[in-house]
Amino acid sequence: MPGVLIVEALAQLSTFHLRQKRVKNHQDYHFLAYKVRGVEFLEPIFPGDKIELWAKILNFIEIDENRKIANILAKAFVEKRLKCEARFSVFIIKKSEFFPKKWSAKK
């Protein structure tokens, strides 16, 4: 399995966890990839392997009511063997702050 897809799966799990557990009115926010701090691929994952994903929020910083940053540690396992470990950050911003004005084409 391509490494980028493993990292994407870990990020998706993390975003789901943040939406369910940490951000009230999560539908009003964008969850954006902010920084990949490090990824280590320990063993390959092959077609047919059942991947188990694990993620932990290391810290959650509220910059203000519209912006937050979550630092995540996430791991992928196959048959309880660690295959990948990633540390990354997710930037959470209120949708109204992300696109405060309508985009218009210049003429």
C-alpha atoms as a PDB file:
ATOM      1  CA  MET A   1       0.000   0.000   0.000  1.00  0.00           C
ATOM      2  CA  PRO A   2       1.464   3.390  -0.906  1.00  0.00           C
ATOM      3  CA  GLY A   3       2.768   5.294   2.098  1.00  0.00           C
ATOM      4  CA  VAL A   4       0.866   8.446   1.219  1.00  0.00           C
ATOM      5  CA  LEU A   5      -2.413   6.507   1.483  1.00  0.00           C
ATOM      6  CA  ILE A   6      -1.445   5.155   4.896  1.00  0.00           C
ATOM      7  CA  VAL A   7      -0.733   8.697   6.118  1.00  0.00           C
ATOM      8  CA  GLU A   8      -4.013   9.906   4.561  1.00  0.00           C
ATOM      9  CA  ALA A   9      -5.934   7.175   6.414  1.00  0.00           C
ATOM     10  CA  LEU A  10      -4.275   8.209   9.689  1.00  0.00           C
ATOM     11  CA  ALA A  11      -5.137  11.857   9.030  1.00  0.00           C
ATOM     12  CA  GLN A  12      -8.757  10.992   8.222  1.00  0.00           C
ATOM     13  CA  LEU A  13      -9.078   9.019  11.460  1.00  0.00           C
ATOM     14  CA  SER A  14      -7.598  11.939  13.388  1.00  0.00           C
ATOM     15  CA  THR A  15      -9.971  14.424  11.792  1.00  0.00           C
ATOM     16  CA  PHE A  16     -12.936  12.188  12.620  1.00  0.00           C
ATOM     17  CA  HIS A  17     -11.753  11.926  16.226  1.00  0.00           C
ATOM     18  CA  LEU A  18     -11.320  15.708  16.485  1.00  0.00           C
ATOM     19  CA  ARG A  19     -14.785  16.316  15.038  1.00  0.00           C
ATOM     20  CA  GLN A  20     -16.424  13.879  17.456  1.00  0.00           C
ATOM     21  CA  LYS A  21     -14.526  14.643  20.650  1.00  0.00           C
ATOM     22  CA  ARG A  22     -12.928  18.090  20.616  1.00  0.00           C
ATOM     23  CA  VAL A  23     -14.684  20.592  18.364  1.00  0.00           C
ATOM     24  CA  LYS A  24     -18.224  21.713  19.142  1.00  0.00           C
ATOM     25  CA  ASN A  25     -20.279  22.546  16.047  1.00  0.00           C
ATOM     26  CA  HIS A  26     -17.601  20.801  13.970  1.00  0.00           C
ATOM     27  CA  GLN A  27     -19.642  21.231  10.787  1.00  0.00           C
ATOM     28  CA  ASP A  28     -18.824  24.957  10.975  1.00  0.00           C
ATOM     29  CA  TYR A  29     -15.054  24.309  10.713  1.00  0.00           C
ATOM     30  CA  HIS A  30     -12.504  23.249   8.111  1.00  0.00           C
ATOM     31  CA  PHE A  31      -9.908  20.694   9.244  1.00  0.00           C
ATOM     32  CA  LEU A  32      -6.726  21.267   7.238  1.00  0.00           C
ATOM     33  CA  ALA A  33      -3.397  19.496   6.990  1.00  0.00           C
ATOM     34  CA  TYR A  34      -0.975  21.901   8.628  1.00  0.00           C
ATOM     35  CA  LYS A  35       2.353  20.218   9.164  1.00  0.00           C
ATOM     36  CA  VAL A  36       3.748  16.716   8.875  1.00  0.00           C
ATOM     37  CA  ARG A  37       6.375  16.581  11.590  1.00  0.00           C
ATOM     38  CA  GLY A  38       7.607  13.111  10.780  1.00  0.00           C
ATOM     39  CA  VAL A  39       6.600   9.764   9.342  1.00  0.00           C
ATOM     40  CA  GLU A  40       8.360   6.464   9.786  1.00  0.00           C
ATOM     41  CA  PHE A  41       7.522   3.400   7.711  1.00  0.00           C
ATOM     42  CA  LEU A  42       8.753   0.359   9.605  1.00  0.00           C
ATOM     43  CA  GLU A  43       7.460  -2.479   7.406  1.00  0.00           C
ATOM     44  CA  PRO A  44       5.491  -2.601   4.160  1.00  0.00           C
ATOM     45  CA  ILE A  45       1.754  -3.176   4.050  1.00  0.00           C
ATOM     46  CA  PHE A  46       0.585  -5.547   1.331  1.00  0.00           C
ATOM     47  CA  PRO A  47      -2.717  -6.069  -0.506  1.00  0.00           C
ATOM     48  CA  GLY A  48      -5.065  -8.095   1.656  1.00  0.00           C
ATOM     49  CA  ASP A  49      -3.563  -6.902   4.956  1.00  0.00           C
ATOM     50  CA  LYS A  50      -6.091  -5.679   7.512  1.00  0.00           C
ATOM     51  CA  ILE A  51      -4.839  -2.322   8.766  1.00  0.00           C
ATOM     52  CA  GLU A  52      -5.725  -1.144  12.258  1.00  0.00           C
ATOM     53  CA  LEU A  53      -5.412   2.593  12.795  1.00  0.00           C
ATOM     54  CA  TRP A  54      -4.754   4.351  16.098  1.00  0.00           C
ATOM     55  CA  ALA A  55      -4.553   8.072  16.842  1.00  0.00           C
ATOM     56  CA  LYS A  56      -3.978  10.188  19.916  1.00  0.00           C
ATOM     57  CA  ILE A  57      -4.352  13.934  20.311  1.00  0.00           C
ATOM     58  CA  LEU A  58      -1.084  15.039  21.933  1.00  0.00           C
ATOM     59  CA  ASN A  59      -2.216  18.591  22.530  1.00  0.00           C
ATOM     60  CA  PHE A  60      -4.976  20.929  21.465  1.00  0.00           C
ATOM     61  CA  ILE A  61      -4.264  24.637  21.223  1.00  0.00           C
ATOM     62  CA  GLU A  62      -7.121  27.127  21.004  1.00  0.00           C
ATOM     63  CA  ILE A  63      -5.678  30.217  19.369  1.00  0.00           C
ATOM     64  CA  ASP A  64      -9.056  31.944  19.564  1.00  0.00           C
ATOM     65  CA  GLU A  65     -12.703  30.921  19.132  1.00  0.00           C
ATOM     66  CA  ASN A  66     -12.200  30.589  15.356  1.00  0.00           C
ATOM     67  CA  ARG A  67      -8.792  28.883  15.116  1.00  0.00           C
ATOM     68  CA  LYS A  68      -7.250  25.827  16.758  1.00  0.00           C
ATOM     69  CA  ILE A  69      -4.289  23.525  16.213  1.00  0.00           C
ATOM     70  CA  ALA A  70      -4.185  19.854  17.164  1.00  0.00           C
ATOM     71  CA  ASN A  71      -0.942  17.876  17.317  1.00  0.00           C
ATOM     72  CA  ILE A  72      -1.465  14.193  16.607  1.00  0.00           C
ATOM     73  CA  LEU A  73       0.435  10.937  17.042  1.00  0.00           C
ATOM     74  CA  ALA A  74      -0.997   8.214  14.798  1.00  0.00           C
ATOM     75  CA  LYS A  75      -0.017   4.608  14.106  1.00  0.00           C
ATOM     76  CA  ALA A  76      -0.913   1.876  11.630  1.00  0.00           C
ATOM     77  CA  PHE A  77      -0.728  -1.789  12.634  1.00  0.00           C
ATOM     78  CA  VAL A  78      -1.166  -5.093  10.830  1.00  0.00           C
ATOM     79  CA  GLU A  79      -1.684  -8.101  13.112  1.00  0.00           C
ATOM     80  CA  LYS A  80      -0.523  -5.964  16.055  1.00  0.00           C
ATOM     81  CA  ARG A  81       2.787  -5.194  14.330  1.00  0.00           C
ATOM     82  CA  LEU A  82       3.595  -1.500  14.016  1.00  0.00           C
ATOM     83  CA  LYS A  83       3.938  -0.637  10.335  1.00  0.00           C
ATOM     84  CA  CYS A  84       3.846   3.158  10.325  1.00  0.00           C
ATOM     85  CA  GLU A  85       4.037   5.998  12.836  1.00  0.00           C
ATOM     86  CA  ALA A  86       3.253   9.624  12.012  1.00  0.00           C
ATOM     87  CA  ARG A  87       3.263  12.924  13.865  1.00  0.00           C
ATOM     88  CA  PHE A  88       1.389  15.789  12.296  1.00  0.00           C
ATOM     89  CA  SER A  89      -0.675  18.881  13.004  1.00  0.00           C
ATOM     90  CA  VAL A  90      -4.203  19.752  11.961  1.00  0.00           C
ATOM     91  CA  PHE A  91      -5.271  23.385  11.641  1.00  0.00           C
ATOM     92  CA  ILE A  92      -8.930  23.951  12.468  1.00  0.00           C
ATOM     93  CA  ILE A  93     -10.524  27.165  11.269  1.00  0.00           C
ATOM     94  CA  LYS A  94     -14.084  28.408  11.225  1.00  0.00           C
ATOM     95  CA  LYS A  95     -15.447  28.316   7.674  1.00  0.00           C
ATOM     96  CA  SER A  96     -16.594  31.928   7.879  1.00  0.00           C
ATOM     97  CA  GLU A  97     -12.997  32.997   8.654  1.00  0.00           C
ATOM     98  CA  PHE A  98     -11.462  30.844   5.929  1.00  0.00           C
ATOM     99  CA  PHE A  99     -13.507  32.412   3.133  1.00  0.00           C
ATOM    100  CA  PRO A 100     -14.630  35.733   4.611  1.00  0.00           C
ATOM    101  CA  LYS A 101     -15.370  37.252   1.196  1.00  0.00           C
ATOM    102  CA  LYS A 102     -16.660  35.747  -2.012  1.00  0.00           C
ATOM    103  CA  TRP A 103     -13.973  35.012  -4.537  1.00  0.00           C
ATOM    104  CA  SER A 104     -14.266  36.964  -7.745  1.00  0.00           C
ATOM    105  CA  ALA A 105     -12.315  36.784 -10.962  1.00  0.00           C
ATOM    106  CA  LYS A 106     -10.287  39.842 -11.920  1.00  0.00           C
ATOM    107  CA  LYS A 107     -11.250  41.430 -15.226  1.00  0.00           C
END
